Amino acid sequence: MKDIFAEEDEQIQLVSGLDHPFALPARHDNAGFLYDQGSGRFLLFKTEAPCFVVYTANFVDESVIIAGQPMIQHNGIALEAQALPDAIHSDLKDQVILKAGETFTSKTRYELIVK
């Protein structure tokens, strides 16, 4: 991840890390994975959603204490299965409007493996 944070990409610099949607192919088995070579942890994620937003704790409040430690920038990652964030303003708006009485369901699965 540190290589991503070092990128000179304008969008990465704008938010000091990742806060970006990644559209998935219409038919996909796996949405993606994360792997930490040092620990051998492998996180596989699958979803029926059309998109994942990846957020890397870019702006944190260091006065917040978790497990006795202050929050640290980039010390976490969120993988949010959802519709494209701006879908309401596109041809996809019919996919994101839920009318009264309608039910929405979607499945997302995270699988943690240690290799």
Protein backbone atom coordinates (compact mmCIF):
# COMPACT_ATOMS: atom_id res chain seq x y z
CA MET A 1 0.00 0.00 0.00
CA LYS A 2 2.85 2.42 0.69
CA ASP A 3 3.63 2.39 -3.04
CA ILE A 4 0.10 3.59 -3.74
CA PHE A 5 0.39 6.42 -1.19
CA ALA A 6 3.67 7.50 -2.83
CA GLU A 7 2.02 7.77 -6.26
CA GLU A 8 2.00 11.20 -7.82
CA ASP A 9 -1.44 10.52 -9.30
CA GLU A 10 -3.57 13.64 -8.91
CA GLN A 11 -6.59 11.75 -7.56
CA ILE A 12 -4.53 9.92 -4.92
CA GLN A 13 -2.83 13.14 -3.83
CA LEU A 14 -6.17 14.99 -3.69
CA VAL A 15 -7.48 12.74 -0.89
CA SER A 16 -4.10 11.72 0.57
CA GLY A 17 -4.68 8.07 -0.33
CA LEU A 18 -7.54 6.02 -1.70
CA ASP A 19 -11.19 6.99 -1.54
CA HIS A 20 -12.09 5.65 -4.93
CA PRO A 21 -14.78 3.51 -6.55
CA PHE A 22 -13.75 0.55 -8.65
CA ALA A 23 -16.43 -0.67 -11.06
CA LEU A 24 -16.68 -4.43 -11.40
CA PRO A 25 -17.45 -6.38 -14.57
CA ALA A 26 -21.12 -7.33 -14.94
CA ARG A 27 -20.28 -10.99 -14.32
CA HIS A 28 -17.52 -11.55 -11.80
CA ASP A 29 -16.67 -14.36 -9.43
CA ASN A 30 -14.27 -12.42 -7.21
CA ALA A 31 -14.34 -8.68 -6.70
CA GLY A 32 -10.74 -8.57 -5.52
CA PHE A 33 -8.28 -9.47 -2.80
CA LEU A 34 -5.68 -8.07 -0.45
CA TYR A 35 -2.54 -9.97 0.50
CA ASP A 36 0.02 -9.20 3.19
CA GLN A 37 3.18 -11.14 2.40
CA GLY A 38 4.65 -10.56 5.86
CA SER A 39 1.80 -12.18 7.78
CA GLY A 40 0.48 -14.47 5.06
CA ARG A 41 -3.00 -12.99 5.47
CA PHE A 42 -5.12 -13.12 2.33
CA LEU A 43 -8.51 -11.36 2.20
CA LEU A 44 -10.78 -12.37 -0.67
CA PHE A 45 -13.92 -10.37 -1.30
CA LYS A 46 -16.93 -11.25 -3.41
CA THR A 47 -20.09 -9.25 -4.00
CA GLU A 48 -23.18 -8.91 -6.11
CA ALA A 49 -22.72 -5.12 -6.01
CA PRO A 50 -21.51 -3.35 -9.15
CA CYS A 51 -18.72 -1.49 -7.36
CA PHE A 52 -16.31 -1.44 -4.44
CA VAL A 53 -15.19 1.81 -2.86
CA VAL A 54 -11.74 1.51 -1.30
CA TYR A 55 -10.94 3.96 1.51
CA THR A 56 -7.59 3.99 3.31
CA ALA A 57 -8.18 6.05 6.49
CA ASN A 58 -6.80 9.19 4.90
CA PHE A 59 -8.12 11.71 7.42
CA VAL A 60 -8.22 10.50 11.02
CA ASP A 61 -8.74 12.10 14.40
CA GLU A 62 -5.63 11.23 16.41
CA SER A 63 -7.48 12.08 19.62
CA VAL A 64 -9.56 8.91 19.09
CA ILE A 65 -7.98 6.04 21.01
CA ILE A 66 -8.51 2.42 19.91
CA ALA A 67 -7.00 -0.41 21.96
CA GLY A 68 -4.91 2.17 23.81
CA GLN A 69 -3.42 3.63 20.62
CA PRO A 70 -4.26 6.83 18.73
CA MET A 71 -5.63 6.47 15.22
CA ILE A 72 -2.94 6.73 12.55
CA GLN A 73 -3.37 7.84 8.94
CA HIS A 74 -3.55 4.85 6.55
CA ASN A 75 -3.70 2.38 9.44
CA GLY A 76 -6.89 0.83 8.11
CA ILE A 77 -8.74 0.03 4.92
CA ALA A 78 -12.44 -0.10 4.15
CA LEU A 79 -13.82 -2.16 1.27
CA GLU A 80 -17.36 -0.91 0.69
CA ALA A 81 -19.57 -2.93 -1.68
CA GLN A 82 -22.11 -0.57 -3.19
CA ALA A 83 -23.48 1.08 -6.31
CA LEU A 84 -21.27 3.59 -8.09
CA PRO A 85 -21.28 6.69 -5.86
CA ASP A 86 -22.57 9.05 -8.56
CA ALA A 87 -24.95 6.56 -10.21
CA ILE A 88 -27.97 8.76 -9.41
CA HIS A 89 -26.66 11.31 -11.95
CA SER A 90 -26.13 8.82 -14.77
CA ASP A 91 -27.95 6.31 -16.94
CA LEU A 92 -27.64 3.92 -13.96
CA LYS A 93 -30.06 5.89 -11.77
CA ASP A 94 -32.82 3.29 -12.17
CA GLN A 95 -30.50 0.79 -10.47
CA VAL A 96 -30.06 2.90 -7.32
CA ILE A 97 -33.53 4.31 -6.66
CA LEU A 98 -35.52 2.22 -4.21
CA LYS A 99 -39.23 3.00 -4.34
CA ALA A 100 -41.63 2.73 -1.41
CA GLY A 101 -42.52 -0.90 -0.76
CA GLU A 102 -39.57 -2.31 -2.72
CA THR A 103 -36.97 -4.50 -1.06
CA PHE A 104 -33.26 -4.39 -1.82
CA THR A 105 -30.94 -7.31 -1.12
CA SER A 106 -27.32 -7.85 -2.00
CA LYS A 107 -24.71 -10.34 -0.83
CA THR A 108 -21.10 -9.55 -0.04
CA ARG A 109 -18.64 -12.07 1.36
CA TYR A 110 -15.22 -11.50 2.90
CA GLU A 111 -13.02 -14.55 3.38
CA LEU A 112 -9.83 -14.38 5.44
CA ILE A 113 -7.20 -17.04 4.78
CA VAL A 114 -3.75 -17.36 6.32
CA LYS A 115 -1.19 -18.91 4.00
